[in-house]
C-alpha atoms as a PDB file:
ATOM      1  CA  UNK A   1      22.594  -8.283   1.234  1.00  0.00           C
ATOM      2  CA  UNK A   2      23.315 -11.512  -0.948  1.00  0.00           C
ATOM      3  CA  UNK A   3      21.325 -13.890   1.730  1.00  0.00           C
ATOM      4  CA  UNK A   4      18.441 -11.615   0.980  1.00  0.00           C
ATOM      5  CA  UNK A   5      19.002 -11.382  -2.871  1.00  0.00           C
ATOM      6  CA  UNK A   6      19.216 -15.004  -3.015  1.00  0.00           C
ATOM      7  CA  UNK A   7      15.846 -15.154  -0.921  1.00  0.00           C
ATOM      8  CA  UNK A   8      13.627 -12.479  -3.195  1.00  0.00           C
ATOM      9  CA  UNK A   9      15.163 -14.476  -6.663  1.00  0.00           C
ATOM     10  CA  UNK A  10      14.226 -18.005  -5.528  1.00  0.00           C
ATOM     11  CA  UNK A  11      11.073 -17.527  -3.412  1.00  0.00           C
ATOM     12  CA  UNK A  12       9.702 -13.653  -4.338  1.00  0.00           C
ATOM     13  CA  UNK A  13       9.975 -12.490  -0.998  1.00  0.00           C
ATOM     14  CA  UNK A  14      13.164 -11.872   2.091  1.00  0.00           C
ATOM     15  CA  UNK A  15      10.454 -12.994   4.160  1.00  0.00           C
ATOM     16  CA  UNK A  16       9.909 -16.958   5.096  1.00  0.00           C
ATOM     17  CA  UNK A  17       6.481 -16.595   4.060  1.00  0.00           C
ATOM     18  CA  UNK A  18       6.967 -15.823   1.001  1.00  0.00           C
ATOM     19  CA  UNK A  19       5.089 -19.116  -0.459  1.00  0.00           C
ATOM     20  CA  UNK A  20       2.631 -18.983   1.961  1.00  0.00           C
ATOM     21  CA  UNK A  21       1.586 -15.580   0.864  1.00  0.00           C
ATOM     22  CA  UNK A  22       1.008 -17.539  -2.479  1.00  0.00           C
ATOM     23  CA  UNK A  23      -1.397 -19.670  -0.630  1.00  0.00           C
ATOM     24  CA  UNK A  24      -2.990 -17.083   1.097  1.00  0.00           C
ATOM     25  CA  UNK A  25      -3.982 -14.931  -1.793  1.00  0.00           C
ATOM     26  CA  UNK A  26      -5.263 -18.115  -4.103  1.00  0.00           C
ATOM     27  CA  UNK A  27      -6.535 -20.666  -1.969  1.00  0.00           C
ATOM     28  CA  UNK A  28      -7.393 -18.571   1.421  1.00  0.00           C
ATOM     29  CA  UNK A  29      -8.772 -15.693  -0.608  1.00  0.00           C
ATOM     30  CA  UNK A  30      -9.468 -17.447  -3.898  1.00  0.00           C
ATOM     31  CA  UNK A  31      -8.097 -14.553  -5.492  1.00  0.00           C
ATOM     32  CA  UNK A  32      -7.532 -14.259  -9.479  1.00  0.00           C
ATOM     33  CA  UNK A  33      -3.633 -15.362  -9.952  1.00  0.00           C
ATOM     34  CA  UNK A  34      -1.440 -15.207 -13.649  1.00  0.00           C
ATOM     35  CA  UNK A  35      -4.808 -14.371 -15.237  1.00  0.00           C
ATOM     36  CA  UNK A  36      -5.231 -12.324 -18.340  1.00  0.00           C
ATOM     37  CA  UNK A  37      -6.757  -8.704 -16.876  1.00  0.00           C
ATOM     38  CA  UNK A  38      -6.673  -5.228 -17.274  1.00  0.00           C
ATOM     39  CA  UNK A  39      -4.559  -4.509 -13.965  1.00  0.00           C
ATOM     40  CA  UNK A  40      -2.111  -6.475 -12.249  1.00  0.00           C
ATOM     41  CA  UNK A  41      -1.874  -5.585  -8.732  1.00  0.00           C
ATOM     42  CA  UNK A  42       1.279  -5.686  -6.525  1.00  0.00           C
ATOM     43  CA  UNK A  43       0.332  -7.258  -2.748  1.00  0.00           C
ATOM     44  CA  UNK A  44       3.294  -5.930  -1.063  1.00  0.00           C
ATOM     45  CA  UNK A  45       5.287  -9.130   0.857  1.00  0.00           C
ATOM     46  CA  UNK A  46       3.791  -8.528   4.409  1.00  0.00           C
ATOM     47  CA  UNK A  47       0.540  -6.630   3.838  1.00  0.00           C
ATOM     48  CA  UNK A  48      -1.823  -9.488   3.617  1.00  0.00           C
ATOM     49  CA  UNK A  49      -0.646 -10.625   6.628  1.00  0.00           C
ATOM     50  CA  UNK A  50       0.447  -7.474   8.416  1.00  0.00           C
ATOM     51  CA  UNK A  51      -2.523  -5.539   6.914  1.00  0.00           C
ATOM     52  CA  UNK A  52      -5.407  -8.383   6.783  1.00  0.00           C
ATOM     53  CA  UNK A  53      -8.286  -6.013   7.330  1.00  0.00           C
ATOM     54  CA  UNK A  54      -7.084  -3.055   5.091  1.00  0.00           C
ATOM     55  CA  UNK A  55      -6.161  -5.674   2.358  1.00  0.00           C
ATOM     56  CA  UNK A  56      -9.749  -7.336   2.781  1.00  0.00           C
ATOM     57  CA  UNK A  57     -11.137  -4.211   2.237  1.00  0.00           C
ATOM     58  CA  UNK A  58      -9.198  -3.405  -0.940  1.00  0.00           C
ATOM     59  CA  UNK A  59     -10.086  -6.606  -2.076  1.00  0.00           C
ATOM     60  CA  UNK A  60     -13.989  -6.464  -1.255  1.00  0.00           C
ATOM     61  CA  UNK A  61     -13.504  -2.957  -2.998  1.00  0.00           C
ATOM     62  CA  UNK A  62     -12.261  -4.950  -6.121  1.00  0.00           C
ATOM     63  CA  UNK A  63     -15.193  -6.544  -6.375  1.00  0.00           C
ATOM     64  CA  UNK A  64     -18.026  -4.242  -5.841  1.00  0.00           C
ATOM     65  CA  UNK A  65     -16.521  -2.288  -8.308  1.00  0.00           C
ATOM     66  CA  UNK A  66     -16.043  -5.150 -10.854  1.00  0.00           C
ATOM     67  CA  UNK A  67     -12.302  -4.791 -11.732  1.00  0.00           C
ATOM     68  CA  UNK A  68     -10.585  -6.961 -14.363  1.00  0.00           C
ATOM     69  CA  UNK A  69      -7.683  -7.888 -12.201  1.00  0.00           C
ATOM     70  CA  UNK A  70      -4.974 -10.267 -11.157  1.00  0.00           C
ATOM     71  CA  UNK A  71      -2.401 -11.438  -8.824  1.00  0.00           C
ATOM     72  CA  UNK A  72       1.480 -12.368  -9.154  1.00  0.00           C
ATOM     73  CA  UNK A  73       1.946 -16.101  -8.352  1.00  0.00           C
ATOM     74  CA  UNK A  74       5.540 -14.918  -8.074  1.00  0.00           C
ATOM     75  CA  UNK A  75       5.450 -11.687  -6.922  1.00  0.00           C
ATOM     76  CA  UNK A  76       9.234 -10.056  -6.414  1.00  0.00           C
ATOM     77  CA  UNK A  77       9.761  -8.103  -3.408  1.00  0.00           C
ATOM     78  CA  UNK A  78      10.748  -4.340  -4.248  1.00  0.00           C
ATOM     79  CA  UNK A  79      13.862  -5.001  -1.949  1.00  0.00           C
ATOM     80  CA  UNK A  80      12.462  -2.853   1.108  1.00  0.00           C
ATOM     81  CA  UNK A  81      13.126  -4.797   3.708  1.00  0.00           C
ATOM     82  CA  UNK A  82      16.680  -5.880   2.766  1.00  0.00           C
ATOM     83  CA  UNK A  83      17.418  -1.933   2.253  1.00  0.00           C
ATOM     84  CA  UNK A  84      17.039  -1.737   6.239  1.00  0.00           C
ATOM     85  CA  UNK A  85      19.537  -4.345   6.765  1.00  0.00           C
ATOM     86  CA  UNK A  86      22.418  -2.940   4.818  1.00  0.00           C
ATOM     87  CA  UNK A  87      24.797   0.352   5.488  1.00  0.00           C
ATOM     88  CA  UNK A  88      23.941   3.343   3.181  1.00  0.00           C
ATOM     89  CA  UNK A  89      27.080   2.717   1.412  1.00  0.00           C
ATOM     90  CA  UNK A  90      25.604  -0.710  -0.073  1.00  0.00           C
ATOM     91  CA  UNK A  91      22.640   0.685  -1.166  1.00  0.00           C
ATOM     92  CA  UNK A  92      23.770   1.298  -4.738  1.00  0.00           C
ATOM     93  CA  UNK A  93      24.181  -2.205  -5.204  1.00  0.00           C
ATOM     94  CA  UNK A  94      21.217  -3.546  -4.045  1.00  0.00           C
ATOM     95  CA  UNK A  95      19.256  -0.698  -6.259  1.00  0.00           C
ATOM     96  CA  UNK A  96      20.181  -2.983  -9.240  1.00  0.00           C
ATOM     97  CA  UNK A  97      18.844  -5.951  -7.855  1.00  0.00           C
ATOM     98  CA  UNK A  98      15.974  -3.865  -6.726  1.00  0.00           C
ATOM     99  CA  UNK A  99      15.269  -2.179 -10.298  1.00  0.00           C
ATOM    100  CA  UNK A 100      15.278  -6.130 -11.800  1.00  0.00           C
ATOM    101  CA  UNK A 101      12.858  -7.610  -9.293  1.00  0.00           C
ATOM    102  CA  UNK A 102      10.648  -4.628 -10.217  1.00  0.00           C
ATOM    103  CA  UNK A 103      10.720  -4.936 -13.742  1.00  0.00           C
ATOM    104  CA  UNK A 104       9.933  -8.800 -13.413  1.00  0.00           C
ATOM    105  CA  UNK A 105       6.859  -7.927 -12.037  1.00  0.00           C
ATOM    106  CA  UNK A 106       6.222  -5.322 -14.818  1.00  0.00           C
ATOM    107  CA  UNK A 107       7.281  -8.112 -17.432  1.00  0.00           C
ATOM    108  CA  UNK A 108       4.951 -10.964 -15.823  1.00  0.00           C
ATOM    109  CA  UNK A 109       2.222  -7.945 -15.792  1.00  0.00           C
ATOM    110  CA  UNK A 110       2.982  -7.018 -19.777  1.00  0.00           C
ATOM    111  CA  UNK A 111       2.493 -10.857 -20.601  1.00  0.00           C
ATOM    112  CA  UNK A 112      -0.764 -10.732 -19.393  1.00  0.00           C
ATOM    113  CA  UNK A 113      -1.973  -7.899 -21.098  1.00  0.00           C
ATOM    114  CA  UNK A 114      -2.312  -5.836 -18.316  1.00  0.00           C
ATOM    115  CA  UNK A 115      -3.003  -1.880 -19.195  1.00  0.00           C
ATOM    116  CA  UNK A 116      -1.670  -0.796 -15.601  1.00  0.00           C
ATOM    117  CA  UNK A 117       0.073  -2.324 -12.393  1.00  0.00           C
ATOM    118  CA  UNK A 118      -1.324  -1.034  -9.142  1.00  0.00           C
ATOM    119  CA  UNK A 119       0.922  -1.170  -6.039  1.00  0.00           C
ATOM    120  CA  UNK A 120      -0.580  -1.553  -2.352  1.00  0.00           C
ATOM    121  CA  UNK A 121       2.067  -1.041  -0.241  1.00  0.00           C
ATOM    122  CA  UNK A 122       3.727   2.163   0.223  1.00  0.00           C
ATOM    123  CA  UNK A 123       7.101   1.364  -0.129  1.00  0.00           C
ATOM    124  CA  UNK A 124       6.731  -0.307  -3.457  1.00  0.00           C
ATOM    125  CA  UNK A 125       4.681   2.422  -4.900  1.00  0.00           C
ATOM    126  CA  UNK A 126       7.805   4.950  -4.653  1.00  0.00           C
ATOM    127  CA  UNK A 127      10.220   2.424  -5.699  1.00  0.00           C
ATOM    128  CA  UNK A 128       8.654   1.728  -8.973  1.00  0.00           C
ATOM    129  CA  UNK A 129       8.279   5.031  -9.259  1.00  0.00           C
ATOM    130  CA  UNK A 130      11.803   5.882  -8.721  1.00  0.00           C
ATOM    131  CA  UNK A 131      13.362   3.185 -10.849  1.00  0.00           C
ATOM    132  CA  UNK A 132      10.254   3.296 -13.692  1.00  0.00           C
ATOM    133  CA  UNK A 133       8.274   6.893 -13.534  1.00  0.00           C
ATOM    134  CA  UNK A 134       4.606   6.319 -14.109  1.00  0.00           C
ATOM    135  CA  UNK A 135       4.381   4.087 -16.799  1.00  0.00           C
ATOM    136  CA  UNK A 136       6.156   1.108 -17.991  1.00  0.00           C
ATOM    137  CA  UNK A 137       6.294   0.517 -22.107  1.00  0.00           C
ATOM    138  CA  UNK A 138       2.776   1.831 -22.437  1.00  0.00           C
ATOM    139  CA  UNK A 139       1.872   0.135 -19.055  1.00  0.00           C
ATOM    140  CA  UNK A 140       0.525   2.214 -16.406  1.00  0.00           C
ATOM    141  CA  UNK A 141       2.064   2.383 -12.974  1.00  0.00           C
ATOM    142  CA  UNK A 142      -0.394   3.637 -10.468  1.00  0.00           C
ATOM    143  CA  UNK A 143      -0.845   4.435  -6.828  1.00  0.00           C
ATOM    144  CA  UNK A 144      -3.360   2.269  -5.505  1.00  0.00           C
ATOM    145  CA  UNK A 145      -5.698   5.740  -4.299  1.00  0.00           C
ATOM    146  CA  UNK A 146      -5.110   6.745  -7.954  1.00  0.00           C
ATOM    147  CA  UNK A 147      -6.876   3.037  -8.833  1.00  0.00           C
ATOM    148  CA  UNK A 148      -9.710   3.448  -6.591  1.00  0.00           C
ATOM    149  CA  UNK A 149     -10.737   6.911  -7.619  1.00  0.00           C
ATOM    150  CA  UNK A 150     -10.074   5.398 -11.114  1.00  0.00           C
ATOM    151  CA  UNK A 151     -12.812   2.436 -10.989  1.00  0.00           C
ATOM    152  CA  UNK A 152     -15.080   3.338  -7.695  1.00  0.00           C
ATOM    153  CA  UNK A 153     -18.587   3.164  -8.769  1.00  0.00           C
ATOM    154  CA  UNK A 154     -22.001   5.282  -7.555  1.00  0.00           C
ATOM    155  CA  UNK A 155     -21.835   7.754  -4.545  1.00  0.00           C
ATOM    156  CA  UNK A 156     -20.182   6.496  -1.549  1.00  0.00           C
ATOM    157  CA  UNK A 157     -21.707   8.165   1.972  1.00  0.00           C
ATOM    158  CA  UNK A 158     -20.724   7.818   5.390  1.00  0.00           C
ATOM    159  CA  UNK A 159     -21.805  10.364   8.211  1.00  0.00           C
ATOM    160  CA  UNK A 160     -18.914  10.061  10.050  1.00  0.00           C
ATOM    161  CA  UNK A 161     -15.860  12.431  11.501  1.00  0.00           C
ATOM    162  CA  UNK A 162     -12.532  11.177  11.404  1.00  0.00           C
ATOM    163  CA  UNK A 163      -8.927  12.640  11.601  1.00  0.00           C
ATOM    164  CA  UNK A 164      -6.737  12.081   8.441  1.00  0.00           C
ATOM    165  CA  UNK A 165      -2.768  11.380   8.835  1.00  0.00           C
ATOM    166  CA  UNK A 166      -1.439  11.367   5.370  1.00  0.00           C
ATOM    167  CA  UNK A 167       2.062  10.467   6.753  1.00  0.00           C
ATOM    168  CA  UNK A 168       5.528  11.904   6.080  1.00  0.00           C
ATOM    169  CA  UNK A 169       6.759   9.295   3.776  1.00  0.00           C
ATOM    170  CA  UNK A 170      10.143  10.411   5.287  1.00  0.00           C
ATOM    171  CA  UNK A 171      11.445   6.799   4.900  1.00  0.00           C
ATOM    172  CA  UNK A 172       9.817   6.092   1.449  1.00  0.00           C
ATOM    173  CA  UNK A 173      11.370   9.366   0.154  1.00  0.00           C
ATOM    174  CA  UNK A 174      15.227   8.725   1.663  1.00  0.00           C
ATOM    175  CA  UNK A 175      14.683   5.333   0.197  1.00  0.00           C
ATOM    176  CA  UNK A 176      13.226   6.978  -3.279  1.00  0.00           C
ATOM    177  CA  UNK A 177      14.858  10.341  -3.957  1.00  0.00           C
ATOM    178  CA  UNK A 178      13.064  11.610  -6.957  1.00  0.00           C
ATOM    179  CA  UNK A 179       9.910   9.738  -6.812  1.00  0.00           C
ATOM    180  CA  UNK A 180       7.000  11.692  -7.504  1.00  0.00           C
ATOM    181  CA  UNK A 181       3.543   9.872  -6.157  1.00  0.00           C
ATOM    182  CA  UNK A 182       0.216  11.660  -6.475  1.00  0.00           C
ATOM    183  CA  UNK A 183      -0.593  11.753  -2.813  1.00  0.00           C
ATOM    184  CA  UNK A 184      -3.211  14.150  -3.394  1.00  0.00           C
ATOM    185  CA  UNK A 185      -5.523  11.321  -4.787  1.00  0.00           C
ATOM    186  CA  UNK A 186      -5.673   9.924  -1.114  1.00  0.00           C
ATOM    187  CA  UNK A 187      -7.611  13.799   0.364  1.00  0.00           C
ATOM    188  CA  UNK A 188      -9.688  13.116  -3.414  1.00  0.00           C
ATOM    189  CA  UNK A 189     -10.881   9.756  -1.886  1.00  0.00           C
ATOM    190  CA  UNK A 190     -11.978  10.641   1.401  1.00  0.00           C
ATOM    191  CA  UNK A 191     -13.912  14.133  -0.309  1.00  0.00           C
ATOM    192  CA  UNK A 192     -15.578  11.685  -2.737  1.00  0.00           C
ATOM    193  CA  UNK A 193     -17.435  10.318   0.137  1.00  0.00           C
ATOM    194  CA  UNK A 194     -20.385  12.182   0.967  1.00  0.00           C
ATOM    195  CA  UNK A 195     -21.359  13.361   4.776  1.00  0.00           C
ATOM    196  CA  UNK A 196     -17.740  12.281   5.570  1.00  0.00           C
ATOM    197  CA  UNK A 197     -16.354  15.080   7.815  1.00  0.00           C
ATOM    198  CA  UNK A 198     -12.247  15.160   7.573  1.00  0.00           C
ATOM    199  CA  UNK A 199     -10.056  16.839  10.089  1.00  0.00           C
ATOM    200  CA  UNK A 200      -6.006  17.019   9.226  1.00  0.00           C
ATOM    201  CA  UNK A 201      -3.591  15.692  11.159  1.00  0.00           C
ATOM    202  CA  UNK A 202      -0.003  17.707  10.904  1.00  0.00           C
ATOM    203  CA  UNK A 203       1.944  15.149   8.405  1.00  0.00           C
ATOM    204  CA  UNK A 204       5.281  16.412   9.704  1.00  0.00           C
ATOM    205  CA  UNK A 205       4.736  14.144  12.559  1.00  0.00           C
ATOM    206  CA  UNK A 206       5.957  10.823  11.940  1.00  0.00           C
ATOM    207  CA  UNK A 207       4.940   7.809  13.057  1.00  0.00           C
ATOM    208  CA  UNK A 208       8.403   6.157  13.306  1.00  0.00           C
ATOM    209  CA  UNK A 209       8.965   9.032  16.522  1.00  0.00           C
ATOM    210  CA  UNK A 210       5.830  10.530  16.913  1.00  0.00           C
ATOM    211  CA  UNK A 211       3.366   7.852  17.072  1.00  0.00           C
ATOM    212  CA  UNK A 212       2.138   8.789  20.534  1.00  0.00           C
ATOM    213  CA  UNK A 213       1.897  12.686  19.485  1.00  0.00           C
ATOM    214  CA  UNK A 214      -0.230  11.790  16.696  1.00  0.00           C
ATOM    215  CA  UNK A 215      -2.610   9.607  18.636  1.00  0.00           C
ATOM    216  CA  UNK A 216      -2.611  12.914  21.066  1.00  0.00           C
ATOM    217  CA  UNK A 217      -3.110  15.149  18.295  1.00  0.00           C
ATOM    218  CA  UNK A 218      -6.433  12.840  17.348  1.00  0.00           C
ATOM    219  CA  UNK A 219      -7.972  12.870  20.681  1.00  0.00           C
ATOM    220  CA  UNK A 220      -7.688  16.486  20.988  1.00  0.00           C
ATOM    221  CA  UNK A 221      -9.745  16.955  18.126  1.00  0.00           C
ATOM    222  CA  UNK A 222     -12.255  14.655  19.812  1.00  0.00           C
ATOM    223  CA  UNK A 223     -13.009  12.020  16.838  1.00  0.00           C
ATOM    224  CA  UNK A 224     -12.865   8.840  17.488  1.00  0.00           C
ATOM    225  CA  UNK A 225     -11.481   7.531  14.194  1.00  0.00           C
ATOM    226  CA  UNK A 226      -7.729   8.045  12.440  1.00  0.00           C
ATOM    227  CA  UNK A 227      -7.719   7.314   8.873  1.00  0.00           C
ATOM    228  CA  UNK A 228      -4.548   6.820   7.492  1.00  0.00           C
ATOM    229  CA  UNK A 229      -2.972   5.454   3.900  1.00  0.00           C
ATOM    230  CA  UNK A 230       0.506   4.561   4.526  1.00  0.00           C
ATOM    231  CA  UNK A 231       0.890   0.894   4.951  1.00  0.00           C
ATOM    232  CA  UNK A 232       3.740   1.398   7.361  1.00  0.00           C
ATOM    233  CA  UNK A 233       1.851   4.337   9.497  1.00  0.00           C
ATOM    234  CA  UNK A 234      -1.340   2.179   9.783  1.00  0.00           C
ATOM    235  CA  UNK A 235       0.468  -0.726  11.345  1.00  0.00           C
ATOM    236  CA  UNK A 236       2.538   1.406  14.047  1.00  0.00           C
ATOM    237  CA  UNK A 237      -0.724   3.745  14.467  1.00  0.00           C
ATOM    238  CA  UNK A 238      -2.840   0.582  15.260  1.00  0.00           C
ATOM    239  CA  UNK A 239      -0.222  -0.613  17.707  1.00  0.00           C
ATOM    240  CA  UNK A 240      -0.147   2.047  19.952  1.00  0.00           C
ATOM    241  CA  UNK A 241      -3.938   2.897  19.798  1.00  0.00           C
ATOM    242  CA  UNK A 242      -4.564  -0.669  21.048  1.00  0.00           C
ATOM    243  CA  UNK A 243      -2.152  -0.355  23.830  1.00  0.00           C
ATOM    244  CA  UNK A 244      -3.953   2.406  24.555  1.00  0.00           C
ATOM    245  CA  UNK A 245      -7.543   0.858  24.718  1.00  0.00           C
ATOM    246  CA  UNK A 246      -8.641   1.130  21.536  1.00  0.00           C
ATOM    247  CA  UNK A 247      -8.866   5.189  21.439  1.00  0.00           C
ATOM    248  CA  UNK A 248      -8.892   6.290  18.595  1.00  0.00           C
ATOM    249  CA  UNK A 249      -9.627   3.233  16.570  1.00  0.00           C
ATOM    250  CA  UNK A 250      -7.093   3.438  13.445  1.00  0.00           C
ATOM    251  CA  UNK A 251      -8.485   2.421   9.968  1.00  0.00           C
ATOM    252  CA  UNK A 252      -6.910   2.481   6.540  1.00  0.00           C
ATOM    253  CA  UNK A 253      -8.590   4.467   3.907  1.00  0.00           C
ATOM    254  CA  UNK A 254      -9.955   1.293   2.402  1.00  0.00           C
ATOM    255  CA  UNK A 255     -11.822   0.101   5.073  1.00  0.00           C
ATOM    256  CA  UNK A 256     -13.487   3.773   4.991  1.00  0.00           C
ATOM    257  CA  UNK A 257     -14.110   3.614   1.647  1.00  0.00           C
ATOM    258  CA  UNK A 258     -15.606   0.429   1.993  1.00  0.00           C
ATOM    259  CA  UNK A 259     -17.730   1.446   4.849  1.00  0.00           C
ATOM    260  CA  UNK A 260     -19.145   4.204   3.052  1.00  0.00           C
ATOM    261  CA  UNK A 261     -20.455   1.706   0.494  1.00  0.00           C
ATOM    262  CA  UNK A 262     -22.514  -0.331   3.100  1.00  0.00           C
END
């Protein structure tokens, strides 16, 4: 645990790619960094790499909705990856560090004059909420679908049939007991897309042990697209789908929303 904490403190992430993330965001994607802005976006450690297409779709939505945003040059990891390395009895100590790292991000956002912090990572949103609730010193903490509902423009339309898998959030709830996330915002986001027909995949299935069952459920519904809004679920289900020949295709909710604007 000590080594993980040192890495987060020094480079913002437990991953060796911590510094590369900054270069990708600022120079590769040309994003605003450490800028005075209404919204500060928390990208997450791995999302810009492992979920590049969903993340890129999210960025395109920022431009489409003319959002006044910034990312942080030194974004600190919430501790997610470190939690996975340690036995449960060591969690209380890591939680102290985790709260400190999250508060470092919130303090940076406050200095930048942001009215809200937006978490793109599904583990971040649970831990932020667990430690600080829905706001920090008057600055709101938003789950990214809530943010998209708040900033979206026009009337997106997509004549398509999809299956939506909410995710069980078993891991997140175990990590952040008591956290209250507005998961209804995912459903409302899909409902706002005119002509989109959505079938539900049972959310009691978990991608960590029932990924193939989830894929089978979608194929039984006779739709070609599976939509998810959990970063972890997307990573797992996208791999399982591709191993099976790409049926169904797995899309992130940001990709579907962007498609509805094209």
